[in-house]
Amino acid sequence: MPASAPVSAWALEGAFISVSRGDDELSVVCPQEKVPTGVKNDSGWTCLKLQGPFPFSETGILSSFIAPLSANAIPIFAISTFNTDYVLIKEEFWEKALSTLQNAGHTLVE
């Protein structure tokens, strides 16, 4: 959305949301069912939460997670917060992503 757009109430609903404003856009990540008709969006993502918190002085954590995905042509969208990193993966790549991450030594905890 335009950078000057107000943050709508629908953008703040859901178990996981992320709102970012830059000079050229307002970006909202939220459950697909919360996005009103007519709002430009890219649907079909699922989210993995990396167990944290990770100290800011510790480097390479997110890289170790997304490097195997990148090497296997699996597109991602990463969001970092103060305590946690989240990696969104397109649903059509979900199974391939899980096996790739397990082969790279990561463990899925549900």
PDB file of N, CA and C in Angstrom:
ATOM      1  N   MET A   1       0.847  -1.173   0.000  1.00  0.00           N
ATOM      2  CA  MET A   1       0.000   0.000   0.000  1.00  0.00           C
ATOM      3  C   MET A   1       0.892   1.236   0.000  1.00  0.00           C
ATOM      4  N   PRO A   2       0.358   2.366  -0.334  1.00  0.00           N
ATOM      5  CA  PRO A   2       1.174   3.581  -0.305  1.00  0.00           C
ATOM      6  C   PRO A   2       1.736   3.835   1.093  1.00  0.00           C
ATOM      7  N   ALA A   3       2.897   4.420   1.151  1.00  0.00           N
ATOM      8  CA  ALA A   3       3.551   4.684   2.432  1.00  0.00           C
ATOM      9  C   ALA A   3       2.690   5.537   3.361  1.00  0.00           C
ATOM     10  N   SER A   4       1.877   6.390   2.784  1.00  0.00           N
ATOM     11  CA  SER A   4       1.056   7.288   3.596  1.00  0.00           C
ATOM     12  C   SER A   4      -0.254   6.654   4.059  1.00  0.00           C
ATOM     13  N   ALA A   5      -0.544   5.425   3.633  1.00  0.00           N
ATOM     14  CA  ALA A   5      -1.802   4.768   4.002  1.00  0.00           C
ATOM     15  C   ALA A   5      -1.853   4.525   5.506  1.00  0.00           C
ATOM     16  N   PRO A   6      -3.032   4.713   6.099  1.00  0.00           N
ATOM     17  CA  PRO A   6      -3.155   4.397   7.525  1.00  0.00           C
ATOM     18  C   PRO A   6      -3.127   2.880   7.723  1.00  0.00           C
ATOM     19  N   VAL A   7      -2.734   2.434   8.899  1.00  0.00           N
ATOM     20  CA  VAL A   7      -2.776   1.011   9.218  1.00  0.00           C
ATOM     21  C   VAL A   7      -4.211   0.683   9.615  1.00  0.00           C
ATOM     22  N   SER A   8      -4.856  -0.128   8.802  1.00  0.00           N
ATOM     23  CA  SER A   8      -6.258  -0.480   9.038  1.00  0.00           C
ATOM     24  C   SER A   8      -6.390  -1.525  10.141  1.00  0.00           C
ATOM     25  N   ALA A   9      -7.547  -1.576  10.762  1.00  0.00           N
ATOM     26  CA  ALA A   9      -7.801  -2.516  11.862  1.00  0.00           C
ATOM     27  C   ALA A   9      -7.611  -3.964  11.415  1.00  0.00           C
ATOM     28  N   TRP A  10      -7.993  -4.297  10.170  1.00  0.00           N
ATOM     29  CA  TRP A  10      -7.866  -5.682   9.698  1.00  0.00           C
ATOM     30  C   TRP A  10      -6.405  -6.134   9.697  1.00  0.00           C
ATOM     31  N   ALA A  11      -5.483  -5.190   9.524  1.00  0.00           N
ATOM     32  CA  ALA A  11      -4.057  -5.512   9.460  1.00  0.00           C
ATOM     33  C   ALA A  11      -3.487  -5.882  10.824  1.00  0.00           C
ATOM     34  N   LEU A  12      -4.234  -5.631  11.864  1.00  0.00           N
ATOM     35  CA  LEU A  12      -3.747  -5.871  13.217  1.00  0.00           C
ATOM     36  C   LEU A  12      -4.411  -7.082  13.867  1.00  0.00           C
ATOM     37  N   GLU A  13      -5.151  -7.857  13.068  1.00  0.00           N
ATOM     38  CA  GLU A  13      -5.870  -9.017  13.588  1.00  0.00           C
ATOM     39  C   GLU A  13      -5.165 -10.302  13.178  1.00  0.00           C
ATOM     40  N   GLY A  14      -5.066 -11.231  14.089  1.00  0.00           N
ATOM     41  CA  GLY A  14      -4.474 -12.524  13.780  1.00  0.00           C
ATOM     42  C   GLY A  14      -3.386 -12.890  14.757  1.00  0.00           C
ATOM     43  N   ALA A  15      -3.033 -14.171  14.761  1.00  0.00           N
ATOM     44  CA  ALA A  15      -2.014 -14.674  15.676  1.00  0.00           C
ATOM     45  C   ALA A  15      -0.625 -14.168  15.293  1.00  0.00           C
ATOM     46  N   PHE A  16      -0.396 -13.947  14.007  1.00  0.00           N
ATOM     47  CA  PHE A  16       0.893 -13.428  13.550  1.00  0.00           C
ATOM     48  C   PHE A  16       0.643 -12.301  12.571  1.00  0.00           C
ATOM     49  N   ILE A  17       1.171 -11.122  12.887  1.00  0.00           N
ATOM     50  CA  ILE A  17       1.098  -9.974  11.979  1.00  0.00           C
ATOM     51  C   ILE A  17       2.443  -9.267  11.981  1.00  0.00           C
ATOM     52  N   SER A  18       2.723  -8.576  10.901  1.00  0.00           N
ATOM     53  CA  SER A  18       3.896  -7.722  10.819  1.00  0.00           C
ATOM     54  C   SER A  18       3.511  -6.518   9.966  1.00  0.00           C
ATOM     55  N   VAL A  19       3.765  -5.342  10.478  1.00  0.00           N
ATOM     56  CA  VAL A  19       3.472  -4.106   9.750  1.00  0.00           C
ATOM     57  C   VAL A  19       4.771  -3.331   9.624  1.00  0.00           C
ATOM     58  N   SER A  20       5.145  -2.998   8.386  1.00  0.00           N
ATOM     59  CA  SER A  20       6.363  -2.236   8.131  1.00  0.00           C
ATOM     60  C   SER A  20       6.036  -1.060   7.236  1.00  0.00           C
ATOM     61  N   ARG A  21       6.593   0.086   7.579  1.00  0.00           N
ATOM     62  CA  ARG A  21       6.406   1.277   6.744  1.00  0.00           C
ATOM     63  C   ARG A  21       7.777   1.774   6.329  1.00  0.00           C
ATOM     64  N   GLY A  22       7.958   1.969   5.036  1.00  0.00           N
ATOM     65  CA  GLY A  22       9.177   2.559   4.503  1.00  0.00           C
ATOM     66  C   GLY A  22       8.834   3.824   3.756  1.00  0.00           C
ATOM     67  N   ASP A  23       9.828   4.405   3.120  1.00  0.00           N
ATOM     68  CA  ASP A  23       9.601   5.628   2.354  1.00  0.00           C
ATOM     69  C   ASP A  23       8.632   5.434   1.202  1.00  0.00           C
ATOM     70  N   ASP A  24       8.557   4.194   0.673  1.00  0.00           N
ATOM     71  CA  ASP A  24       7.760   3.981  -0.533  1.00  0.00           C
ATOM     72  C   ASP A  24       6.628   2.973  -0.386  1.00  0.00           C
ATOM     73  N   GLU A  25       6.389   2.446   0.825  1.00  0.00           N
ATOM     74  CA  GLU A  25       5.289   1.495   0.969  1.00  0.00           C
ATOM     75  C   GLU A  25       4.911   1.257   2.427  1.00  0.00           C
ATOM     76  N   LEU A  26       3.697   0.764   2.604  1.00  0.00           N
ATOM     77  CA  LEU A  26       3.222   0.190   3.848  1.00  0.00           C
ATOM     78  C   LEU A  26       2.994  -1.277   3.542  1.00  0.00           C
ATOM     79  N   SER A  27       3.698  -2.146   4.252  1.00  0.00           N
ATOM     80  CA  SER A  27       3.616  -3.582   4.005  1.00  0.00           C
ATOM     81  C   SER A  27       3.014  -4.267   5.215  1.00  0.00           C
ATOM     82  N   VAL A  28       2.031  -5.135   4.959  1.00  0.00           N
ATOM     83  CA  VAL A  28       1.350  -5.852   6.029  1.00  0.00           C
ATOM     84  C   VAL A  28       1.456  -7.343   5.760  1.00  0.00           C
ATOM     85  N   VAL A  29       1.867  -8.100   6.766  1.00  0.00           N
ATOM     86  CA  VAL A  29       1.831  -9.552   6.713  1.00  0.00           C
ATOM     87  C   VAL A  29       0.829  -9.974   7.777  1.00  0.00           C
ATOM     88  N   CYS A  30      -0.210 -10.697   7.339  1.00  0.00           N
ATOM     89  CA  CYS A  30      -1.258 -11.120   8.256  1.00  0.00           C
ATOM     90  C   CYS A  30      -1.949 -12.342   7.662  1.00  0.00           C
ATOM     91  N   PRO A  31      -2.829 -12.980   8.420  1.00  0.00           N
ATOM     92  CA  PRO A  31      -3.561 -14.116   7.847  1.00  0.00           C
ATOM     93  C   PRO A  31      -4.324 -13.701   6.585  1.00  0.00           C
ATOM     94  N   GLN A  32      -4.278 -14.539   5.572  1.00  0.00           N
ATOM     95  CA  GLN A  32      -4.895 -14.242   4.277  1.00  0.00           C
ATOM     96  C   GLN A  32      -6.368 -13.873   4.408  1.00  0.00           C
ATOM     97  N   GLU A  33      -7.070 -14.559   5.300  1.00  0.00           N
ATOM     98  CA  GLU A  33      -8.514 -14.307   5.429  1.00  0.00           C
ATOM     99  C   GLU A  33      -8.829 -12.927   5.992  1.00  0.00           C
ATOM    100  N   LYS A  34      -7.846 -12.228   6.511  1.00  0.00           N
ATOM    101  CA  LYS A  34      -8.053 -10.875   7.042  1.00  0.00           C
ATOM    102  C   LYS A  34      -7.928  -9.806   5.961  1.00  0.00           C
ATOM    103  N   VAL A  35      -7.319 -10.133   4.822  1.00  0.00           N
ATOM    104  CA  VAL A  35      -7.080  -9.144   3.766  1.00  0.00           C
ATOM    105  C   VAL A  35      -8.376  -8.881   3.007  1.00  0.00           C
ATOM    106  N   PRO A  36      -8.843  -7.644   2.990  1.00  0.00           N
ATOM    107  CA  PRO A  36     -10.081  -7.321   2.280  1.00  0.00           C
ATOM    108  C   PRO A  36      -9.929  -7.469   0.761  1.00  0.00           C
ATOM    109  N   THR A  37     -11.013  -7.758   0.111  1.00  0.00           N
ATOM    110  CA  THR A  37     -11.044  -7.810  -1.344  1.00  0.00           C
ATOM    111  C   THR A  37     -10.594  -6.465  -1.898  1.00  0.00           C
ATOM    112  N   GLY A  38      -9.766  -6.506  -2.913  1.00  0.00           N
ATOM    113  CA  GLY A  38      -9.296  -5.294  -3.554  1.00  0.00           C
ATOM    114  C   GLY A  38      -7.951  -4.796  -3.053  1.00  0.00           C
ATOM    115  N   VAL A  39      -7.453  -5.373  -1.961  1.00  0.00           N
ATOM    116  CA  VAL A  39      -6.142  -4.980  -1.456  1.00  0.00           C
ATOM    117  C   VAL A  39      -5.090  -5.860  -2.135  1.00  0.00           C
ATOM    118  N   LYS A  40      -4.119  -5.223  -2.782  1.00  0.00           N
ATOM    119  CA  LYS A  40      -3.059  -5.955  -3.465  1.00  0.00           C
ATOM    120  C   LYS A  40      -2.328  -6.848  -2.462  1.00  0.00           C
ATOM    121  N   ASN A  41      -2.199  -8.142  -2.824  1.00  0.00           N
ATOM    122  CA  ASN A  41      -1.532  -9.065  -1.912  1.00  0.00           C
ATOM    123  C   ASN A  41      -0.932 -10.240  -2.668  1.00  0.00           C
ATOM    124  N   ASP A  42      -0.123 -10.986  -1.974  1.00  0.00           N
ATOM    125  CA  ASP A  42       0.506 -12.192  -2.517  1.00  0.00           C
ATOM    126  C   ASP A  42       0.172 -13.314  -1.542  1.00  0.00           C
ATOM    127  N   SER A  43      -0.780 -14.137  -1.879  1.00  0.00           N
ATOM    128  CA  SER A  43      -1.266 -15.160  -0.956  1.00  0.00           C
ATOM    129  C   SER A  43      -0.511 -16.471  -1.127  1.00  0.00           C
ATOM    130  N   GLY A  44      -0.807 -17.411  -0.239  1.00  0.00           N
ATOM    131  CA  GLY A  44      -0.261 -18.747  -0.354  1.00  0.00           C
ATOM    132  C   GLY A  44       1.054 -18.964   0.365  1.00  0.00           C
ATOM    133  N   TRP A  45       1.253 -18.296   1.483  1.00  0.00           N
ATOM    134  CA  TRP A  45       2.483 -18.445   2.265  1.00  0.00           C
ATOM    135  C   TRP A  45       2.178 -19.180   3.560  1.00  0.00           C
ATOM    136  N   THR A  46       3.148 -19.897   4.063  1.00  0.00           N
ATOM    137  CA  THR A  46       3.075 -20.514   5.377  1.00  0.00           C
ATOM    138  C   THR A  46       4.320 -20.078   6.155  1.00  0.00           C
ATOM    139  N   CYS A  47       4.258 -20.152   7.461  1.00  0.00           N
ATOM    140  CA  CYS A  47       5.294 -19.519   8.284  1.00  0.00           C
ATOM    141  C   CYS A  47       5.992 -20.512   9.198  1.00  0.00           C
ATOM    142  N   LEU A  48       7.307 -20.396   9.256  1.00  0.00           N
ATOM    143  CA  LEU A  48       8.129 -21.127  10.211  1.00  0.00           C
ATOM    144  C   LEU A  48       8.732 -20.118  11.186  1.00  0.00           C
ATOM    145  N   LYS A  49       8.684 -20.462  12.459  1.00  0.00           N
ATOM    146  CA  LYS A  49       9.255 -19.613  13.503  1.00  0.00           C
ATOM    147  C   LYS A  49      10.553 -20.251  13.968  1.00  0.00           C
ATOM    148  N   LEU A  50      11.633 -19.514  13.920  1.00  0.00           N
ATOM    149  CA  LEU A  50      12.906 -20.015  14.427  1.00  0.00           C
ATOM    150  C   LEU A  50      12.925 -19.819  15.931  1.00  0.00           C
ATOM    151  N   GLN A  51      13.246 -20.877  16.659  1.00  0.00           N
ATOM    152  CA  GLN A  51      13.256 -20.798  18.111  1.00  0.00           C
ATOM    153  C   GLN A  51      14.319 -19.816  18.561  1.00  0.00           C
ATOM    154  N   GLY A  52      13.933 -18.828  19.307  1.00  0.00           N
ATOM    155  CA  GLY A  52      14.839 -17.825  19.819  1.00  0.00           C
ATOM    156  C   GLY A  52      14.581 -17.627  21.289  1.00  0.00           C
ATOM    157  N   PRO A  53      15.006 -16.542  21.869  1.00  0.00           N
ATOM    158  CA  PRO A  53      15.650 -15.417  21.208  1.00  0.00           C
ATOM    159  C   PRO A  53      17.122 -15.692  20.905  1.00  0.00           C
ATOM    160  N   PHE A  54      17.620 -14.971  19.911  1.00  0.00           N
ATOM    161  CA  PHE A  54      19.016 -15.055  19.504  1.00  0.00           C
ATOM    162  C   PHE A  54      19.695 -13.728  19.833  1.00  0.00           C
ATOM    163  N   PRO A  55      20.828 -13.768  20.470  1.00  0.00           N
ATOM    164  CA  PRO A  55      21.537 -12.512  20.757  1.00  0.00           C
ATOM    165  C   PRO A  55      21.926 -11.804  19.455  1.00  0.00           C
ATOM    166  N   PHE A  56      21.833 -10.496  19.449  1.00  0.00           N
ATOM    167  CA  PHE A  56      22.199  -9.735  18.248  1.00  0.00           C
ATOM    168  C   PHE A  56      23.672  -9.925  17.896  1.00  0.00           C
ATOM    169  N   SER A  57      24.481 -10.269  18.873  1.00  0.00           N
ATOM    170  CA  SER A  57      25.909 -10.467  18.618  1.00  0.00           C
ATOM    171  C   SER A  57      26.210 -11.807  17.944  1.00  0.00           C
ATOM    172  N   GLU A  58      25.230 -12.706  17.948  1.00  0.00           N
ATOM    173  CA  GLU A  58      25.411 -14.016  17.316  1.00  0.00           C
ATOM    174  C   GLU A  58      25.045 -13.900  15.840  1.00  0.00           C
ATOM    175  N   THR A  59      26.015 -14.151  14.974  1.00  0.00           N
ATOM    176  CA  THR A  59      25.791 -13.954  13.546  1.00  0.00           C
ATOM    177  C   THR A  59      25.584 -15.279  12.827  1.00  0.00           C
ATOM    178  N   GLY A  60      24.907 -15.221  11.691  1.00  0.00           N
ATOM    179  CA  GLY A  60      24.770 -16.376  10.817  1.00  0.00           C
ATOM    180  C   GLY A  60      23.602 -17.296  11.098  1.00  0.00           C
ATOM    181  N   ILE A  61      22.788 -16.986  12.089  1.00  0.00           N
ATOM    182  CA  ILE A  61      21.673 -17.876  12.436  1.00  0.00           C
ATOM    183  C   ILE A  61      20.655 -17.936  11.300  1.00  0.00           C
ATOM    184  N   LEU A  62      20.148 -16.800  10.898  1.00  0.00           N
ATOM    185  CA  LEU A  62      19.169 -16.782   9.810  1.00  0.00           C
ATOM    186  C   LEU A  62      19.787 -17.294   8.520  1.00  0.00           C
ATOM    187  N   SER A  63      21.021 -16.935   8.272  1.00  0.00           N
ATOM    188  CA  SER A  63      21.722 -17.392   7.068  1.00  0.00           C
ATOM    189  C   SER A  63      21.820 -18.913   7.022  1.00  0.00           C
ATOM    190  N   SER A  64      22.104 -19.546   8.159  1.00  0.00           N
ATOM    191  CA  SER A  64      22.225 -21.007   8.174  1.00  0.00           C
ATOM    192  C   SER A  64      20.900 -21.682   7.871  1.00  0.00           C
ATOM    193  N   PHE A  65      19.822 -20.973   8.124  1.00  0.00           N
ATOM    194  CA  PHE A  65      18.488 -21.511   7.873  1.00  0.00           C
ATOM    195  C   PHE A  65      18.066 -21.306   6.417  1.00  0.00           C
ATOM    196  N   ILE A  66      18.322 -20.105   5.895  1.00  0.00           N
ATOM    197  CA  ILE A  66      17.832 -19.820   4.542  1.00  0.00           C
ATOM    198  C   ILE A  66      18.808 -20.237   3.440  1.00  0.00           C
ATOM    199  N   ALA A  67      20.086 -20.429   3.751  1.00  0.00           N
ATOM    200  CA  ALA A  67      21.055 -20.833   2.721  1.00  0.00           C
ATOM    201  C   ALA A  67      20.673 -22.154   2.049  1.00  0.00           C
ATOM    202  N   PRO A  68      20.285 -23.207   2.798  1.00  0.00           N
ATOM    203  CA  PRO A  68      19.891 -24.447   2.121  1.00  0.00           C
ATOM    204  C   PRO A  68      18.629 -24.271   1.276  1.00  0.00           C
ATOM    205  N   LEU A  69      17.745 -23.405   1.720  1.00  0.00           N
ATOM    206  CA  LEU A  69      16.534 -23.144   0.933  1.00  0.00           C
ATOM    207  C   LEU A  69      16.902 -22.454  -0.375  1.00  0.00           C
ATOM    208  N   SER A  70      17.753 -21.473  -0.297  1.00  0.00           N
ATOM    209  CA  SER A  70      18.211 -20.760  -1.490  1.00  0.00           C
ATOM    210  C   SER A  70      18.935 -21.698  -2.450  1.00  0.00           C
ATOM    211  N   ALA A  71      19.774 -22.565  -1.900  1.00  0.00           N
ATOM    212  CA  ALA A  71      20.530 -23.501  -2.732  1.00  0.00           C
ATOM    213  C   ALA A  71      19.619 -24.487  -3.469  1.00  0.00           C
ATOM    214  N   ASN A  72      18.390 -24.647  -2.959  1.00  0.00           N
ATOM    215  CA  ASN A  72      17.423 -25.548  -3.578  1.00  0.00           C
ATOM    216  C   ASN A  72      16.287 -24.791  -4.262  1.00  0.00           C
ATOM    217  N   ALA A  73      16.532 -23.520  -4.578  1.00  0.00           N
ATOM    218  CA  ALA A  73      15.587 -22.673  -5.326  1.00  0.00           C
ATOM    219  C   ALA A  73      14.216 -22.575  -4.660  1.00  0.00           C
ATOM    220  N   ILE A  74      14.224 -22.493  -3.326  1.00  0.00           N
ATOM    221  CA  ILE A  74      12.978 -22.343  -2.574  1.00  0.00           C
ATOM    222  C   ILE A  74      12.865 -20.880  -2.143  1.00  0.00           C
ATOM    223  N   PRO A  75      11.900 -20.153  -2.692  1.00  0.00           N
ATOM    224  CA  PRO A  75      11.773 -18.732  -2.350  1.00  0.00           C
ATOM    225  C   PRO A  75      11.269 -18.552  -0.918  1.00  0.00           C
ATOM    226  N   ILE A  76      11.781 -17.534  -0.256  1.00  0.00           N
ATOM    227  CA  ILE A  76      11.377 -17.240   1.120  1.00  0.00           C
ATOM    228  C   ILE A  76      11.118 -15.752   1.281  1.00  0.00           C
ATOM    229  N   PHE A  77      10.471 -15.434   2.384  1.00  0.00           N
ATOM    230  CA  PHE A  77      10.275 -14.057   2.822  1.00  0.00           C
ATOM    231  C   PHE A  77      10.584 -14.063   4.311  1.00  0.00           C
ATOM    232  N   ALA A  78      11.619 -13.370   4.737  1.00  0.00           N
ATOM    233  CA  ALA A  78      12.043 -13.386   6.139  1.00  0.00           C
ATOM    234  C   ALA A  78      11.587 -12.127   6.862  1.00  0.00           C
ATOM    235  N   ILE A  79      11.181 -12.329   8.106  1.00  0.00           N
ATOM    236  CA  ILE A  79      10.797 -11.226   8.983  1.00  0.00           C
ATOM    237  C   ILE A  79      11.519 -11.445  10.305  1.00  0.00           C
ATOM    238  N   SER A  80      12.210 -10.432  10.750  1.00  0.00           N
ATOM    239  CA  SER A  80      12.891 -10.521  12.040  1.00  0.00           C
ATOM    240  C   SER A  80      12.271  -9.542  13.014  1.00  0.00           C
ATOM    241  N   THR A  81      12.121 -10.006  14.252  1.00  0.00           N
ATOM    242  CA  THR A  81      11.650  -9.152  15.334  1.00  0.00           C
ATOM    243  C   THR A  81      12.760  -9.074  16.377  1.00  0.00           C
ATOM    244  N   PHE A  82      12.500  -8.439  17.473  1.00  0.00           N
ATOM    245  CA  PHE A  82      13.511  -8.305  18.521  1.00  0.00           C
ATOM    246  C   PHE A  82      13.953  -9.670  19.046  1.00  0.00           C
ATOM    247  N   ASN A  83      13.003 -10.592  19.237  1.00  0.00           N
ATOM    248  CA  ASN A  83      13.301 -11.892  19.827  1.00  0.00           C
ATOM    249  C   ASN A  83      13.380 -13.051  18.842  1.00  0.00           C
ATOM    250  N   THR A  84      12.782 -12.929  17.685  1.00  0.00           N
ATOM    251  CA  THR A  84      12.554 -14.101  16.843  1.00  0.00           C
ATOM    252  C   THR A  84      12.709 -13.783  15.369  1.00  0.00           C
ATOM    253  N   ASP A  85      13.069 -14.810  14.607  1.00  0.00           N
ATOM    254  CA  ASP A  85      13.057 -14.726  13.146  1.00  0.00           C
ATOM    255  C   ASP A  85      11.947 -15.631  12.629  1.00  0.00           C
ATOM    256  N   TYR A  86      11.260 -15.163  11.603  1.00  0.00           N
ATOM    257  CA  TYR A  86      10.206 -15.928  10.958  1.00  0.00           C
ATOM    258  C   TYR A  86      10.584 -16.055   9.490  1.00  0.00           C
ATOM    259  N   VAL A  87      10.336 -17.226   8.916  1.00  0.00           N
ATOM    260  CA  VAL A  87      10.603 -17.434   7.499  1.00  0.00           C
ATOM    261  C   VAL A  87       9.312 -17.922   6.860  1.00  0.00           C
ATOM    262  N   LEU A  88       8.807 -17.137   5.923  1.00  0.00           N
ATOM    263  CA  LEU A  88       7.609 -17.511   5.198  1.00  0.00           C
ATOM    264  C   LEU A  88       8.023 -18.216   3.916  1.00  0.00           C
ATOM    265  N   ILE A  89       7.302 -19.293   3.617  1.00  0.00           N
ATOM    266  CA  ILE A  89       7.598 -20.134   2.458  1.00  0.00           C
ATOM    267  C   ILE A  89       6.316 -20.321   1.664  1.00  0.00           C
ATOM    268  N   LYS A  90       6.403 -20.210   0.358  1.00  0.00           N
ATOM    269  CA  LYS A  90       5.242 -20.446  -0.492  1.00  0.00           C
ATOM    270  C   LYS A  90       4.748 -21.875  -0.270  1.00  0.00           C
ATOM    271  N   GLU A  91       3.441 -22.039  -0.182  1.00  0.00           N
ATOM    272  CA  GLU A  91       2.851 -23.345   0.121  1.00  0.00           C
ATOM    273  C   GLU A  91       3.278 -24.438  -0.859  1.00  0.00           C
ATOM    274  N   GLU A  92       3.464 -24.105  -2.128  1.00  0.00           N
ATOM    275  CA  GLU A  92       3.836 -25.138  -3.100  1.00  0.00           C
ATOM    276  C   GLU A  92       5.257 -25.666  -2.887  1.00  0.00           C
ATOM    277  N   PHE A  93       6.049 -24.966  -2.076  1.00  0.00           N
ATOM    278  CA  PHE A  93       7.413 -25.396  -1.769  1.00  0.00           C
ATOM    279  C   PHE A  93       7.535 -26.000  -0.364  1.00  0.00           C
ATOM    280  N   TRP A  94       6.426 -26.114   0.349  1.00  0.00           N
ATOM    281  CA  TRP A  94       6.434 -26.517   1.748  1.00  0.00           C
ATOM    282  C   TRP A  94       7.139 -27.849   1.986  1.00  0.00           C
ATOM    283  N   GLU A  95       6.727 -28.897   1.293  1.00  0.00           N
ATOM    284  CA  GLU A  95       7.316 -30.227   1.496  1.00  0.00           C
ATOM    285  C   GLU A  95       8.802 -30.234   1.144  1.00  0.00           C
ATOM    286  N   LYS A  96       9.149 -29.610   0.031  1.00  0.00           N
ATOM    287  CA  LYS A  96      10.551 -29.531  -0.370  1.00  0.00           C
ATOM    288  C   LYS A  96      11.366 -28.751   0.665  1.00  0.00           C
ATOM    289  N   ALA A  97      10.783 -27.684   1.201  1.00  0.00           N
ATOM    290  CA  ALA A  97      11.471 -26.878   2.217  1.00  0.00           C
ATOM    291  C   ALA A  97      11.718 -27.695   3.478  1.00  0.00           C
ATOM    292  N   LEU A  98      10.719 -28.433   3.937  1.00  0.00           N
ATOM    293  CA  LEU A  98      10.880 -29.223   5.154  1.00  0.00           C
ATOM    294  C   LEU A  98      11.968 -30.276   4.988  1.00  0.00           C
ATOM    295  N   SER A  99      11.961 -30.983   3.874  1.00  0.00           N
ATOM    296  CA  SER A  99      12.993 -32.012   3.677  1.00  0.00           C
ATOM    297  C   SER A  99      14.372 -31.373   3.517  1.00  0.00           C
ATOM    298  N   THR A 100      14.444 -30.237   2.849  1.00  0.00           N
ATOM    299  CA  THR A 100      15.714 -29.522   2.691  1.00  0.00           C
ATOM    300  C   THR A 100      16.273 -29.099   4.039  1.00  0.00           C
ATOM    301  N   LEU A 101      15.411 -28.551   4.890  1.00  0.00           N
ATOM    302  CA  LEU A 101      15.853 -28.097   6.201  1.00  0.00           C
ATOM    303  C   LEU A 101      16.271 -29.271   7.089  1.00  0.00           C
ATOM    304  N   GLN A 102      15.523 -30.355   7.038  1.00  0.00           N
ATOM    305  CA  GLN A 102      15.895 -31.538   7.824  1.00  0.00           C
ATOM    306  C   GLN A 102      17.230 -32.100   7.346  1.00  0.00           C
ATOM    307  N   ASN A 103      17.443 -32.155   6.035  1.00  0.00           N
ATOM    308  CA  ASN A 103      18.718 -32.634   5.488  1.00  0.00           C
ATOM    309  C   ASN A 103      19.870 -31.723   5.874  1.00  0.00           C
ATOM    310  N   ALA A 104      19.577 -30.452   6.140  1.00  0.00           N
ATOM    311  CA  ALA A 104      20.615 -29.501   6.556  1.00  0.00           C
ATOM    312  C   ALA A 104      20.842 -29.519   8.065  1.00  0.00           C
ATOM    313  N   GLY A 105      20.124 -30.393   8.785  1.00  0.00           N
ATOM    314  CA  GLY A 105      20.336 -30.536  10.218  1.00  0.00           C
ATOM    315  C   GLY A 105      19.386 -29.779  11.105  1.00  0.00           C
ATOM    316  N   HIS A 106      18.376 -29.147  10.530  1.00  0.00           N
ATOM    317  CA  HIS A 106      17.380 -28.419  11.340  1.00  0.00           C
ATOM    318  C   HIS A 106      16.285 -29.376  11.784  1.00  0.00           C
ATOM    319  N   THR A 107      15.713 -29.103  12.934  1.00  0.00           N
ATOM    320  CA  THR A 107      14.654 -29.934  13.491  1.00  0.00           C
ATOM    321  C   THR A 107      13.362 -29.152  13.530  1.00  0.00           C
ATOM    322  N   LEU A 108      12.286 -29.754  13.051  1.00  0.00           N
ATOM    323  CA  LEU A 108      10.964 -29.130  13.091  1.00  0.00           C
ATOM    324  C   LEU A 108      10.300 -29.480  14.417  1.00  0.00           C
ATOM    325  N   VAL A 109       9.876 -28.460  15.139  1.00  0.00           N
ATOM    326  CA  VAL A 109       9.164 -28.637  16.397  1.00  0.00           C
ATOM    327  C   VAL A 109       7.770 -28.069  16.192  1.00  0.00           C
ATOM    328  N   GLU A 110       6.775 -28.884  16.429  1.00  0.00           N
ATOM    329  CA  GLU A 110       5.395 -28.395  16.219  1.00  0.00           C
ATOM    330  C   GLU A 110       4.775 -27.907  17.488  1.00  0.00           C
TER     331      GLU A 110
END
